[in-house]
Amino acid sequence: MQKINAEKAMIAYLRQLGRLEGLSLLFLLLVAMPIRAVLKDPSWVKITGTVHGFLFLMFVFTVTSVGLELRWPVRRVIMGWILSSVPFGTFWFERGLNENTSSKADDTTP
């Protein structure tokens, strides 16, 4: 039972991190870049870009560590890396996590 809870916690953390990374990209594209263009103020892009880059690197690291811990196929980890570099790919990857892990976690017995 504890193993199932730990797996669910890792997946939940990965999902939240993916959402944050995707939202940071949205903020960068829809808020910071227009401010830079209209007000000629690059500080918004500098700060938001740094945050987005940090979240991106955290997502890649977390996909790798969760994949190793849960013994995912190498293909799934590589797909996580690829989708993390595609705009809004973390949302697609999260959808795959929902489809592939929810039934597996529910069927597992202690």
Protein backbone atom coordinates (compact mmCIF):
# COMPACT_ATOMS: atom_id res chain seq x y z
CA MET A 1 0.00 0.00 0.00
CA GLN A 2 2.84 2.38 0.81
CA LYS A 3 4.47 1.67 -2.53
CA ILE A 4 1.26 2.60 -4.35
CA ASN A 5 1.02 5.85 -2.39
CA ALA A 6 4.65 6.69 -3.15
CA GLU A 7 4.08 6.04 -6.86
CA LYS A 8 0.96 8.20 -6.87
CA ALA A 9 2.85 10.97 -5.07
CA MET A 10 5.67 10.88 -7.63
CA ILE A 11 3.22 10.98 -10.53
CA ALA A 12 1.25 13.79 -8.88
CA TYR A 13 4.46 15.80 -8.40
CA LEU A 14 5.43 15.23 -12.03
CA ARG A 15 1.98 16.32 -13.20
CA GLN A 16 2.09 19.50 -11.12
CA LEU A 17 5.58 20.31 -12.34
CA GLY A 18 4.49 19.78 -15.95
CA ARG A 19 1.53 22.12 -15.44
CA LEU A 20 3.75 24.78 -13.90
CA GLU A 21 6.24 24.48 -16.75
CA GLY A 22 3.46 24.81 -19.33
CA LEU A 23 1.88 27.74 -17.53
CA SER A 24 5.24 29.50 -17.29
CA LEU A 25 5.55 29.21 -21.07
CA LEU A 26 2.05 30.65 -21.49
CA PHE A 27 2.93 33.55 -19.19
CA LEU A 28 6.17 34.12 -21.08
CA LEU A 29 4.42 34.17 -24.47
CA LEU A 30 1.20 35.97 -23.55
CA VAL A 31 2.35 38.46 -20.91
CA ALA A 32 6.11 38.98 -20.76
CA MET A 33 6.85 39.12 -24.47
CA PRO A 34 4.03 41.59 -25.28
CA ILE A 35 5.22 43.80 -22.41
CA ARG A 36 8.72 43.70 -23.87
CA ALA A 37 7.37 44.59 -27.32
CA VAL A 38 5.02 47.38 -26.22
CA LEU A 39 6.86 48.94 -23.28
CA LYS A 40 10.38 48.09 -24.45
CA ASP A 41 11.00 46.52 -21.04
CA PRO A 42 13.03 43.29 -21.35
CA SER A 43 13.08 42.62 -17.59
CA TRP A 44 9.79 40.68 -17.72
CA VAL A 45 11.17 38.30 -20.34
CA LYS A 46 14.44 37.95 -18.47
CA ILE A 47 12.76 36.97 -15.20
CA THR A 48 10.00 34.84 -16.70
CA GLY A 49 12.42 33.15 -19.09
CA THR A 50 14.71 32.25 -16.20
CA VAL A 51 11.82 30.78 -14.21
CA HIS A 52 10.59 28.87 -17.25
CA GLY A 53 14.08 27.52 -17.94
CA PHE A 54 14.45 26.36 -14.35
CA LEU A 55 11.06 24.62 -14.45
CA PHE A 56 11.97 23.01 -17.77
CA LEU A 57 15.19 21.58 -16.34
CA MET A 58 13.36 20.39 -13.22
CA PHE A 59 10.77 18.64 -15.40
CA VAL A 60 13.44 16.85 -17.46
CA PHE A 61 15.26 15.77 -14.29
CA THR A 62 12.01 14.65 -12.64
CA VAL A 63 10.89 12.65 -15.68
CA THR A 64 14.23 10.87 -15.57
CA SER A 65 14.19 10.18 -11.83
CA VAL A 66 10.53 9.09 -11.75
CA GLY A 67 11.12 6.93 -14.81
CA LEU A 68 14.05 5.21 -13.14
CA GLU A 69 12.21 4.80 -9.83
CA LEU A 70 9.05 3.38 -11.42
CA ARG A 71 11.01 1.39 -14.02
CA TRP A 72 9.36 3.01 -16.99
CA PRO A 73 10.36 1.82 -20.44
CA VAL A 74 13.18 3.92 -21.88
CA ARG A 75 10.82 4.95 -24.67
CA ARG A 76 8.49 6.69 -22.20
CA VAL A 77 11.34 8.62 -20.57
CA ILE A 78 12.67 9.70 -23.96
CA MET A 79 9.16 10.74 -24.98
CA GLY A 80 8.99 12.86 -21.83
CA TRP A 81 12.26 14.55 -22.80
CA ILE A 82 11.07 15.18 -26.35
CA LEU A 83 7.67 16.48 -25.32
CA SER A 84 9.23 18.77 -22.72
CA SER A 85 11.05 20.58 -25.53
CA VAL A 86 7.88 20.98 -27.63
CA PRO A 87 5.72 23.98 -26.68
CA PHE A 88 2.99 22.71 -24.35
CA GLY A 89 4.31 19.16 -24.70
CA THR A 90 4.21 18.70 -20.94
CA PHE A 91 0.41 18.84 -21.17
CA TRP A 92 0.48 16.02 -23.76
CA PHE A 93 2.85 14.01 -21.61
CA GLU A 94 0.58 14.49 -18.61
CA ARG A 95 -2.37 13.17 -20.61
CA GLY A 96 -0.33 10.05 -21.35
CA LEU A 97 0.42 9.69 -17.64
CA ASN A 98 -3.28 9.88 -16.85
CA GLU A 99 -4.12 7.18 -19.39
CA ASN A 100 -1.22 4.83 -18.64
CA THR A 101 -0.80 5.03 -14.88
CA SER A 102 -4.27 5.44 -13.42
CA SER A 103 -5.46 1.96 -14.37
CA LYS A 104 -2.10 0.40 -13.46
CA ALA A 105 -2.02 2.02 -10.01
CA ASP A 106 -5.62 1.06 -9.30
CA ASP A 107 -5.07 -2.60 -10.26
CA THR A 108 -1.97 -3.05 -8.13
CA THR A 109 -2.41 -4.97 -4.92
CA PRO A 110 -0.15 -4.58 -1.86
